[in-house]
Amino acid sequence: MSRKPTPYNQILSILHELHKGFPNYNMGRHIATALDGYGDVWGVTDGELLFAFTKYKTQLENDGYFHTPDDLDKIVKDGIDLDNILTEDEYYE
């Protein structure tokens, strides 16, 4: 009977899956995003990290499309200029 992988090995597996599924994102981006909100991660257990990475991976996969930095810049610029966007004729057609 095979043993269940440790949380440590499961985290490594998730990071590998993230690299394959989202090759344009570096590991730092995945780690920073998955652990956003944890503050100081020095004392976070492997089980808690596994939960964070599993949740992050699930959210990424369910979103279907994760924006690139260029997309995010455009979204921010459009949000700043929201009044002009909403008054353009194309939105009233």
N, C-alpha and C. Protein backbone atom coordinates (compact mmCIF):
# COMPACT_ATOMS: atom_id res chain seq x y z
N MET A 1 0.84 -1.18 0.00
CA MET A 1 0.00 0.00 0.00
C MET A 1 0.89 1.24 0.00
N SER A 2 0.61 2.16 -0.90
CA SER A 2 1.46 3.35 -1.00
C SER A 2 1.07 4.38 0.05
N ARG A 3 2.07 5.12 0.48
CA ARG A 3 1.85 6.15 1.48
C ARG A 3 1.37 7.43 0.81
N LYS A 4 0.57 8.18 1.53
CA LYS A 4 0.09 9.47 1.04
C LYS A 4 1.26 10.43 1.01
N PRO A 5 1.38 11.21 -0.08
CA PRO A 5 2.48 12.18 -0.15
C PRO A 5 2.39 13.19 1.00
N THR A 6 3.51 13.64 1.43
CA THR A 6 3.56 14.64 2.50
C THR A 6 3.06 15.98 1.96
N PRO A 7 2.61 16.86 2.83
CA PRO A 7 2.21 18.20 2.36
C PRO A 7 3.33 18.89 1.59
N TYR A 8 4.57 18.70 2.03
CA TYR A 8 5.72 19.29 1.34
C TYR A 8 5.78 18.83 -0.11
N ASN A 9 5.66 17.52 -0.32
CA ASN A 9 5.70 16.98 -1.68
C ASN A 9 4.47 17.38 -2.50
N GLN A 10 3.33 17.52 -1.83
CA GLN A 10 2.13 17.97 -2.53
C GLN A 10 2.28 19.42 -2.99
N ILE A 11 2.92 20.26 -2.17
CA ILE A 11 3.17 21.65 -2.56
C ILE A 11 4.07 21.69 -3.78
N LEU A 12 5.13 20.88 -3.77
CA LEU A 12 6.03 20.84 -4.93
C LEU A 12 5.29 20.39 -6.18
N SER A 13 4.40 19.44 -6.02
CA SER A 13 3.60 18.95 -7.15
C SER A 13 2.69 20.06 -7.69
N ILE A 14 2.07 20.81 -6.79
CA ILE A 14 1.20 21.91 -7.21
C ILE A 14 2.01 22.97 -7.95
N LEU A 15 3.20 23.30 -7.42
CA LEU A 15 4.05 24.29 -8.10
C LEU A 15 4.42 23.80 -9.51
N HIS A 16 4.69 22.52 -9.64
CA HIS A 16 5.01 21.96 -10.96
C HIS A 16 3.79 22.08 -11.89
N GLU A 17 2.61 21.77 -11.37
CA GLU A 17 1.39 21.88 -12.18
C GLU A 17 1.13 23.34 -12.59
N LEU A 18 1.38 24.26 -11.67
CA LEU A 18 1.21 25.68 -11.98
C LEU A 18 2.19 26.12 -13.07
N HIS A 19 3.40 25.61 -13.00
CA HIS A 19 4.41 25.95 -14.02
C HIS A 19 3.97 25.43 -15.39
N LYS A 20 3.42 24.23 -15.42
CA LYS A 20 2.96 23.66 -16.68
C LYS A 20 1.71 24.37 -17.20
N GLY A 21 0.79 24.70 -16.30
CA GLY A 21 -0.48 25.30 -16.70
C GLY A 21 -0.39 26.78 -17.01
N PHE A 22 0.56 27.46 -16.38
CA PHE A 22 0.71 28.91 -16.54
C PHE A 22 2.19 29.23 -16.73
N PRO A 23 2.76 28.84 -17.87
CA PRO A 23 4.20 28.99 -18.08
C PRO A 23 4.70 30.44 -18.14
N ASN A 24 3.81 31.38 -18.35
CA ASN A 24 4.23 32.78 -18.41
C ASN A 24 4.42 33.40 -17.04
N TYR A 25 4.01 32.70 -15.99
CA TYR A 25 4.14 33.22 -14.63
C TYR A 25 5.33 32.56 -13.96
N ASN A 26 6.17 33.37 -13.32
CA ASN A 26 7.32 32.78 -12.62
C ASN A 26 6.89 32.27 -11.25
N MET A 27 7.76 31.50 -10.62
CA MET A 27 7.44 30.89 -9.34
C MET A 27 7.18 31.95 -8.27
N GLY A 28 7.94 33.02 -8.31
CA GLY A 28 7.75 34.09 -7.33
C GLY A 28 6.35 34.66 -7.37
N ARG A 29 5.82 34.81 -8.57
CA ARG A 29 4.46 35.33 -8.72
C ARG A 29 3.44 34.38 -8.11
N HIS A 30 3.60 33.08 -8.37
CA HIS A 30 2.69 32.09 -7.79
C HIS A 30 2.77 32.11 -6.27
N ILE A 31 3.98 32.11 -5.75
CA ILE A 31 4.15 32.06 -4.30
C ILE A 31 3.59 33.33 -3.65
N ALA A 32 3.93 34.48 -4.20
CA ALA A 32 3.47 35.75 -3.64
C ALA A 32 1.94 35.84 -3.66
N THR A 33 1.34 35.41 -4.74
CA THR A 33 -0.11 35.49 -4.87
C THR A 33 -0.80 34.48 -3.95
N ALA A 34 -0.27 33.26 -3.91
CA ALA A 34 -0.87 32.23 -3.06
C ALA A 34 -0.80 32.60 -1.58
N LEU A 35 0.28 33.27 -1.19
CA LEU A 35 0.49 33.57 0.22
C LEU A 35 0.11 35.01 0.59
N ASP A 36 -0.49 35.73 -0.36
CA ASP A 36 -0.93 37.09 -0.08
C ASP A 36 -1.92 37.06 1.08
N GLY A 37 -1.71 37.89 2.03
CA GLY A 37 -2.60 37.94 3.18
C GLY A 37 -2.10 37.14 4.37
N TYR A 38 -1.07 36.32 4.18
CA TYR A 38 -0.53 35.55 5.29
C TYR A 38 0.44 36.37 6.13
N GLY A 39 0.91 37.49 5.60
CA GLY A 39 1.88 38.28 6.35
C GLY A 39 3.20 37.54 6.47
N ASP A 40 3.70 37.44 7.69
CA ASP A 40 4.96 36.75 7.95
C ASP A 40 4.74 35.24 7.84
N VAL A 41 5.35 34.60 6.86
CA VAL A 41 5.12 33.17 6.62
C VAL A 41 6.14 32.28 7.33
N TRP A 42 6.98 32.86 8.16
CA TRP A 42 8.04 32.10 8.82
C TRP A 42 7.49 30.91 9.60
N GLY A 43 6.40 31.09 10.31
CA GLY A 43 5.86 30.02 11.15
C GLY A 43 4.70 29.26 10.54
N VAL A 44 4.42 29.48 9.27
CA VAL A 44 3.30 28.79 8.62
C VAL A 44 3.67 27.32 8.40
N THR A 45 2.78 26.42 8.78
CA THR A 45 3.06 24.99 8.64
C THR A 45 2.92 24.55 7.19
N ASP A 46 3.48 23.40 6.89
CA ASP A 46 3.36 22.84 5.54
C ASP A 46 1.90 22.60 5.19
N GLY A 47 1.11 22.18 6.17
CA GLY A 47 -0.32 21.96 5.93
C GLY A 47 -1.04 23.24 5.54
N GLU A 48 -0.71 24.34 6.22
CA GLU A 48 -1.31 25.64 5.89
C GLU A 48 -0.86 26.10 4.51
N LEU A 49 0.42 25.89 4.20
CA LEU A 49 0.91 26.25 2.87
C LEU A 49 0.22 25.43 1.79
N LEU A 50 0.03 24.15 2.06
CA LEU A 50 -0.66 23.29 1.10
C LEU A 50 -2.08 23.82 0.86
N PHE A 51 -2.77 24.20 1.92
CA PHE A 51 -4.11 24.76 1.78
C PHE A 51 -4.08 26.01 0.91
N ALA A 52 -3.12 26.92 1.18
CA ALA A 52 -3.02 28.17 0.42
C ALA A 52 -2.75 27.90 -1.06
N PHE A 53 -1.82 26.99 -1.36
CA PHE A 53 -1.49 26.70 -2.75
C PHE A 53 -2.63 25.98 -3.45
N THR A 54 -3.32 25.09 -2.74
CA THR A 54 -4.46 24.39 -3.34
C THR A 54 -5.57 25.37 -3.67
N LYS A 55 -5.85 26.27 -2.74
CA LYS A 55 -6.88 27.29 -2.96
C LYS A 55 -6.50 28.20 -4.13
N TYR A 56 -5.25 28.64 -4.17
CA TYR A 56 -4.78 29.50 -5.24
C TYR A 56 -4.89 28.81 -6.60
N LYS A 57 -4.45 27.57 -6.68
CA LYS A 57 -4.50 26.81 -7.94
C LYS A 57 -5.95 26.64 -8.40
N THR A 58 -6.83 26.33 -7.47
CA THR A 58 -8.24 26.16 -7.80
C THR A 58 -8.84 27.46 -8.33
N GLN A 59 -8.51 28.57 -7.68
CA GLN A 59 -9.01 29.87 -8.14
C GLN A 59 -8.49 30.20 -9.53
N LEU A 60 -7.22 29.93 -9.77
CA LEU A 60 -6.65 30.20 -11.09
C LEU A 60 -7.36 29.37 -12.16
N GLU A 61 -7.58 28.11 -11.87
CA GLU A 61 -8.21 27.22 -12.85
C GLU A 61 -9.68 27.59 -13.06
N ASN A 62 -10.36 28.01 -12.02
CA ASN A 62 -11.78 28.37 -12.15
C ASN A 62 -11.99 29.70 -12.83
N ASP A 63 -11.02 30.60 -12.71
CA ASP A 63 -11.13 31.89 -13.39
C ASP A 63 -11.08 31.70 -14.90
N GLY A 64 -10.44 30.65 -15.35
CA GLY A 64 -10.36 30.35 -16.76
C GLY A 64 -9.36 31.21 -17.51
N TYR A 65 -9.27 32.45 -17.13
CA TYR A 65 -8.32 33.34 -17.80
C TYR A 65 -7.72 34.24 -16.75
N PHE A 66 -6.43 34.19 -16.64
CA PHE A 66 -5.73 35.04 -15.69
C PHE A 66 -5.04 36.13 -16.48
N HIS A 67 -5.26 37.35 -16.11
CA HIS A 67 -4.78 38.49 -16.89
C HIS A 67 -3.27 38.63 -16.85
N THR A 68 -2.72 39.08 -17.98
CA THR A 68 -1.29 39.38 -18.06
C THR A 68 -1.07 40.78 -17.48
N PRO A 69 0.16 41.13 -17.16
CA PRO A 69 0.42 42.48 -16.64
C PRO A 69 -0.06 43.59 -17.58
N ASP A 70 0.04 43.38 -18.90
CA ASP A 70 -0.45 44.38 -19.86
C ASP A 70 -1.96 44.53 -19.76
N ASP A 71 -2.67 43.40 -19.60
CA ASP A 71 -4.12 43.45 -19.44
C ASP A 71 -4.48 44.22 -18.18
N LEU A 72 -3.76 43.96 -17.11
CA LEU A 72 -4.04 44.64 -15.84
C LEU A 72 -3.79 46.13 -15.94
N ASP A 73 -2.73 46.52 -16.64
CA ASP A 73 -2.46 47.95 -16.84
C ASP A 73 -3.62 48.62 -17.58
N LYS A 74 -4.13 47.95 -18.62
CA LYS A 74 -5.25 48.50 -19.39
C LYS A 74 -6.49 48.59 -18.51
N ILE A 75 -6.75 47.60 -17.70
CA ILE A 75 -7.92 47.61 -16.81
C ILE A 75 -7.82 48.79 -15.85
N VAL A 76 -6.64 49.00 -15.27
CA VAL A 76 -6.44 50.11 -14.34
C VAL A 76 -6.63 51.45 -15.04
N LYS A 77 -6.02 51.61 -16.22
CA LYS A 77 -6.16 52.86 -16.97
C LYS A 77 -7.61 53.11 -17.37
N ASP A 78 -8.31 52.06 -17.80
CA ASP A 78 -9.72 52.21 -18.15
C ASP A 78 -10.55 52.57 -16.93
N GLY A 79 -10.21 52.00 -15.77
CA GLY A 79 -10.93 52.31 -14.55
C GLY A 79 -10.74 53.75 -14.13
N ILE A 80 -9.53 54.27 -14.32
CA ILE A 80 -9.26 55.67 -13.99
C ILE A 80 -10.05 56.59 -14.91
N ASP A 81 -10.24 56.18 -16.15
CA ASP A 81 -10.92 56.99 -17.16
C ASP A 81 -12.36 56.51 -17.36
N LEU A 82 -12.98 55.98 -16.32
CA LEU A 82 -14.30 55.36 -16.41
C LEU A 82 -15.38 56.31 -16.92
N ASP A 83 -15.34 57.55 -16.50
CA ASP A 83 -16.36 58.52 -16.95
C ASP A 83 -16.37 58.65 -18.47
N ASN A 84 -15.19 58.72 -19.07
CA ASN A 84 -15.12 58.86 -20.53
C ASN A 84 -15.53 57.58 -21.24
N ILE A 85 -15.23 56.45 -20.67
CA ILE A 85 -15.60 55.18 -21.30
C ILE A 85 -17.12 55.06 -21.35
N LEU A 86 -17.78 55.43 -20.27
CA LEU A 86 -19.24 55.27 -20.20
C LEU A 86 -19.99 56.28 -21.05
N THR A 87 -19.33 57.34 -21.47
CA THR A 87 -20.01 58.33 -22.30
C THR A 87 -19.76 58.14 -23.78
N GLU A 88 -18.92 57.19 -24.15
CA GLU A 88 -18.66 56.95 -25.56
C GLU A 88 -19.91 56.40 -26.24
N ASP A 89 -20.11 56.76 -27.50
CA ASP A 89 -21.30 56.37 -28.23
C ASP A 89 -21.47 54.87 -28.35
N GLU A 90 -20.38 54.13 -28.44
CA GLU A 90 -20.49 52.68 -28.65
C GLU A 90 -21.20 51.98 -27.51
N TYR A 91 -21.22 52.57 -26.33
CA TYR A 91 -21.87 51.94 -25.19
C TYR A 91 -23.38 52.22 -25.19
N TYR A 92 -23.83 53.12 -26.03
CA TYR A 92 -25.24 53.45 -26.09
C TYR A 92 -25.94 52.86 -27.30
N GLU A 93 -25.23 52.09 -28.08
CA GLU A 93 -25.82 51.52 -29.30
C GLU A 93 -26.61 50.28 -28.98
